[in-house]
Protein backbone atom coordinates (compact mmCIF):
# COMPACT_ATOMS: atom_id res chain seq x y z
CA MET A 1 16.86 115.59 -156.53
CA ARG A 2 15.40 113.12 -158.68
CA THR A 3 13.35 109.91 -158.37
CA VAL A 4 14.56 106.51 -159.69
CA ASP A 5 12.66 107.17 -163.08
CA GLY A 6 14.17 111.00 -163.50
CA ARG A 7 11.50 112.72 -162.12
CA VAL A 8 12.37 115.72 -159.99
CA ALA A 9 11.21 115.30 -156.15
CA GLY A 10 9.10 118.35 -154.84
CA ARG A 11 9.61 119.58 -151.22
CA ARG A 12 7.06 116.86 -150.22
CA GLY A 13 9.00 113.84 -151.97
CA GLN A 14 12.03 115.02 -150.83
CA ALA A 15 10.95 115.05 -147.25
CA THR A 16 9.35 111.65 -147.82
CA ARG A 17 12.74 110.30 -149.02
CA GLN A 18 14.69 111.70 -146.08
CA LYS A 19 12.32 110.04 -143.87
CA LEU A 20 12.76 106.72 -145.62
CA LEU A 21 16.68 107.39 -144.79
CA ASP A 22 16.37 108.21 -141.33
CA CYS A 23 14.19 105.00 -140.57
CA LEU A 24 16.77 102.83 -142.20
CA SER A 25 19.38 104.39 -140.40
CA GLU A 26 17.54 103.87 -137.21
CA MET A 27 16.96 100.29 -138.17
CA LEU A 28 20.37 99.64 -139.14
CA SER A 29 21.31 100.59 -135.62
CA SER A 30 19.06 97.53 -134.28
CA SER A 31 18.98 94.84 -136.65
CA PRO A 32 21.47 93.19 -139.03
CA TYR A 33 22.01 94.84 -142.42
CA ARG A 34 20.90 91.56 -144.15
CA ASP A 35 17.55 91.36 -142.30
CA VAL A 36 16.53 94.96 -143.15
CA LYS A 37 13.74 94.62 -145.97
CA VAL A 38 11.92 97.33 -148.05
CA ILE A 39 8.55 96.64 -146.52
CA ASP A 40 10.01 97.07 -143.00
CA VAL A 41 11.40 100.60 -143.97
CA ALA A 42 8.60 101.42 -145.77
CA ARG A 43 6.05 100.82 -142.81
CA LYS A 44 8.23 102.27 -140.13
CA ALA A 45 8.08 105.55 -142.41
CA GLY A 46 4.42 105.23 -142.44
CA THR A 47 4.38 104.81 -146.22
CA SER A 48 4.30 101.89 -148.91
CA PRO A 49 6.86 99.87 -150.74
CA ALA A 50 6.03 101.43 -153.85
CA THR A 51 6.73 105.01 -152.35
CA PHE A 52 10.09 103.52 -151.45
CA TYR A 53 10.74 102.04 -154.95
CA GLN A 54 10.12 105.59 -156.05
CA TYR A 55 13.42 107.08 -154.38
CA PHE A 56 15.56 104.05 -154.03
CA PRO A 57 16.46 100.90 -156.37
CA ASP A 58 16.63 98.69 -153.16
CA VAL A 59 17.67 98.84 -149.52
CA GLU A 60 21.65 98.70 -150.52
CA GLY A 61 20.88 101.87 -152.88
CA ALA A 62 19.31 103.56 -149.83
CA VAL A 63 22.46 102.29 -147.74
CA LEU A 64 24.75 103.95 -150.11
CA GLU A 65 22.97 106.96 -149.95
CA LEU A 66 23.43 107.43 -146.31
CA ALA A 67 26.97 106.13 -146.54
CA GLU A 68 27.33 108.93 -148.89
CA GLN A 69 25.89 111.56 -146.55
CA MET A 70 28.05 110.11 -143.54
CA ALA A 71 31.46 110.26 -146.06
CA ALA A 72 30.51 114.07 -146.76
CA GLU A 73 30.39 114.78 -143.01
CA GLY A 74 33.77 112.67 -142.62
CA ALA A 75 35.59 114.79 -144.76
CA GLY A 76 35.42 117.16 -141.71
CA LEU A 77 37.42 115.23 -139.78
CA THR A 78 40.65 117.06 -141.71
CA GLU A 79 39.56 120.22 -139.51
CA LEU A 80 41.27 118.22 -136.68
CA LEU A 81 44.56 118.61 -137.97
CA GLU A 82 44.04 122.03 -139.94
CA GLY A 83 46.82 124.43 -138.62
CA ARG A 84 47.73 122.31 -135.69
CA THR A 85 51.06 121.56 -134.35
CA TRP A 86 53.00 118.61 -133.60
CA THR A 87 55.92 119.97 -131.19
CA GLY A 88 55.72 120.64 -127.39
CA ARG A 89 52.70 120.45 -125.41
CA SER A 90 50.50 121.30 -128.26
CA GLY A 91 51.70 118.31 -130.15
CA TRP A 92 50.29 116.13 -127.28
CA GLN A 93 46.80 118.26 -127.58
CA THR A 94 46.91 117.66 -131.33
CA ALA A 95 46.83 114.05 -130.77
CA GLN A 96 44.35 113.81 -128.15
CA GLU A 97 41.89 115.87 -130.12
CA LEU A 98 42.62 113.89 -133.10
CA VAL A 99 41.53 110.48 -131.24
CA ASP A 100 38.80 112.18 -129.92
CA GLY A 101 37.18 113.43 -132.67
CA PHE A 102 38.01 110.13 -134.79
CA LEU A 103 36.19 107.77 -132.06
CA GLU A 104 33.37 110.34 -131.63
CA PHE A 105 32.66 110.06 -135.53
CA TRP A 106 32.80 106.18 -135.73
CA ARG A 107 30.49 106.10 -132.61
CA ARG A 108 27.94 108.47 -134.08
CA HIS A 109 27.97 106.55 -137.41
CA ASP A 110 28.69 103.04 -135.94
CA ALA A 111 25.79 101.42 -137.68
CA ILE A 112 26.27 102.82 -141.17
CA LEU A 113 30.30 102.28 -140.70
CA ARG A 114 29.62 98.67 -139.80
CA VAL A 115 27.77 98.05 -143.07
CA VAL A 116 30.79 99.87 -145.34
CA ASP A 117 33.20 97.58 -143.55
CA LEU A 118 31.07 94.70 -144.39
CA GLY A 119 30.99 95.88 -148.25
CA ALA A 120 34.32 96.98 -148.29
CA ALA A 121 35.55 93.43 -146.97
CA GLU A 122 33.43 91.68 -149.50
CA GLY A 123 35.04 93.44 -152.39
CA ASP A 124 32.46 95.97 -153.10
CA LYS A 125 34.09 98.97 -154.89
CA ARG A 126 31.42 101.41 -154.04
CA PHE A 127 32.05 100.63 -150.49
CA ASN A 128 35.50 100.66 -150.47
CA LYS A 129 35.38 104.19 -152.01
CA ILE A 130 33.23 105.55 -149.49
CA ARG A 131 35.39 104.04 -146.70
CA MET A 132 38.77 105.43 -148.42
CA LYS A 133 37.11 108.94 -148.83
CA ILE A 134 36.48 108.69 -144.83
CA LEU A 135 40.31 107.44 -144.18
CA ASN A 136 41.63 109.56 -146.53
CA SER A 137 40.39 113.07 -144.98
CA VAL A 138 42.66 112.23 -142.23
CA ASN A 139 45.59 110.30 -144.02
CA VAL A 140 46.46 113.23 -146.44
CA SER A 141 46.49 115.87 -143.75
CA LEU A 142 48.47 113.41 -141.39
CA ALA A 143 50.94 112.44 -144.06
CA ASP A 144 51.58 116.66 -144.60
CA SER A 145 52.32 116.90 -141.05
CA ILE A 146 54.62 114.14 -140.90
CA ALA A 147 56.56 115.53 -144.15
CA GLU A 148 56.61 119.08 -142.53
CA LEU A 149 58.23 117.86 -139.48
CA GLN A 150 60.82 115.73 -141.67
CA SER A 151 61.58 118.85 -143.52
CA LYS A 152 62.58 120.62 -140.23
CA GLY A 153 64.88 117.56 -139.36
CA ARG A 154 62.34 116.57 -136.25
CA VAL A 155 61.54 113.24 -137.89
CA ASP A 156 64.17 110.56 -139.31
CA LYS A 157 64.66 111.11 -143.22
CA ASP A 158 64.11 107.50 -143.90
CA VAL A 159 60.55 107.74 -142.60
CA ASN A 160 57.81 107.40 -145.28
CA PRO A 161 55.24 110.22 -144.22
CA ALA A 162 52.50 108.41 -146.28
CA ALA A 163 53.24 104.91 -144.91
CA VAL A 164 53.30 105.92 -141.47
CA ALA A 165 50.16 108.15 -141.97
CA GLY A 166 48.22 105.22 -143.57
CA ALA A 167 49.40 102.84 -140.85
CA LEU A 168 48.13 105.06 -137.79
CA VAL A 169 44.81 105.62 -139.79
CA THR A 170 44.16 102.18 -140.25
CA MET A 171 45.01 101.51 -136.61
CA LEU A 172 42.52 104.63 -135.52
CA ALA A 173 39.89 102.96 -137.69
CA ALA A 174 40.39 99.44 -136.09
CA VAL A 175 40.29 100.49 -132.66
CA ALA A 176 37.14 103.21 -133.54
CA ALA A 177 35.29 100.15 -134.67
CA HIS A 178 36.30 97.86 -131.92
CA GLN A 179 35.20 100.70 -129.20
CA LYS A 180 32.45 98.25 -127.48
CA GLY A 181 35.04 95.18 -127.57
CA PHE A 182 37.70 97.20 -125.58
CA SER A 183 34.71 97.84 -122.81
CA SER A 184 33.89 94.10 -122.62
CA ALA A 185 37.46 93.62 -122.12
CA GLY A 186 37.59 96.00 -119.21
CA VAL A 187 39.06 98.90 -120.99
CA LYS A 188 37.53 102.29 -120.30
CA ALA A 189 37.29 104.90 -122.74
CA ALA A 190 39.03 107.15 -120.26
CA GLN A 191 41.77 104.70 -120.35
CA LEU A 192 41.66 104.13 -124.22
CA LYS A 193 41.89 107.69 -125.44
CA PRO A 194 45.15 108.73 -123.75
CA ASN A 195 46.95 105.48 -124.88
CA LEU A 196 45.70 105.74 -128.25
CA ALA A 197 46.89 109.08 -128.20
CA LEU A 198 50.00 107.95 -127.13
CA LEU A 199 50.92 105.83 -130.03
CA VAL A 200 49.65 108.58 -132.47
CA HIS A 201 51.87 110.81 -131.24
CA LEU A 202 55.02 108.60 -131.15
CA GLY A 203 53.84 107.74 -134.69
CA VAL A 204 53.90 111.27 -136.07
CA THR A 205 56.69 112.81 -134.26
CA GLY A 206 59.15 109.52 -133.17
CA ARG A 207 59.03 111.29 -129.53
CA ARG A 208 57.13 110.71 -126.09
CA PRO A 209 54.69 113.51 -125.67
CA SER A 210 55.61 116.72 -123.48
CA LYS A 211 52.76 116.84 -121.16
């Protein structure tokens, strides 16, 4: 791990760098991204702006580091589909666990994901690349599952697996980002999850689940 000027950061320097990232992450959960300043992050971490600039070029650079860390964890979302089946009652369980894991990941990283979505929406290719990395971890696995069902004659031959998977993952991301909105509309999490899982199961298999 290196500083901005290329020097190798020692153990103490790495700890300081991580503390700055932790403080930034905490601030993003309570303040709008545009309002977070270097001096505020440094003060919260108990250090100086000069120290912050040793490790990051600016707040955006530190945010991108947080986003990369989150994306690396997001790659684990593919485990929700590995070795799983979409037939019978097991298929219903697969759909529920996919929805559960997806919504939980979004809740856990809500603050940084909002910044990533904002940057991607504004056309920043760096943020868009991170967003696609997270979504593709599920997208590719889901497309493979649909293609497998199709090869066995369980899904209509006219279905495009990549298109269906992409649409379902985009829906999951949109719903996950809007969880608080559902609550304010009177839809409880206990109601949202099974209904979202039903849509996912229908999208993948073309059939209602066996419960």
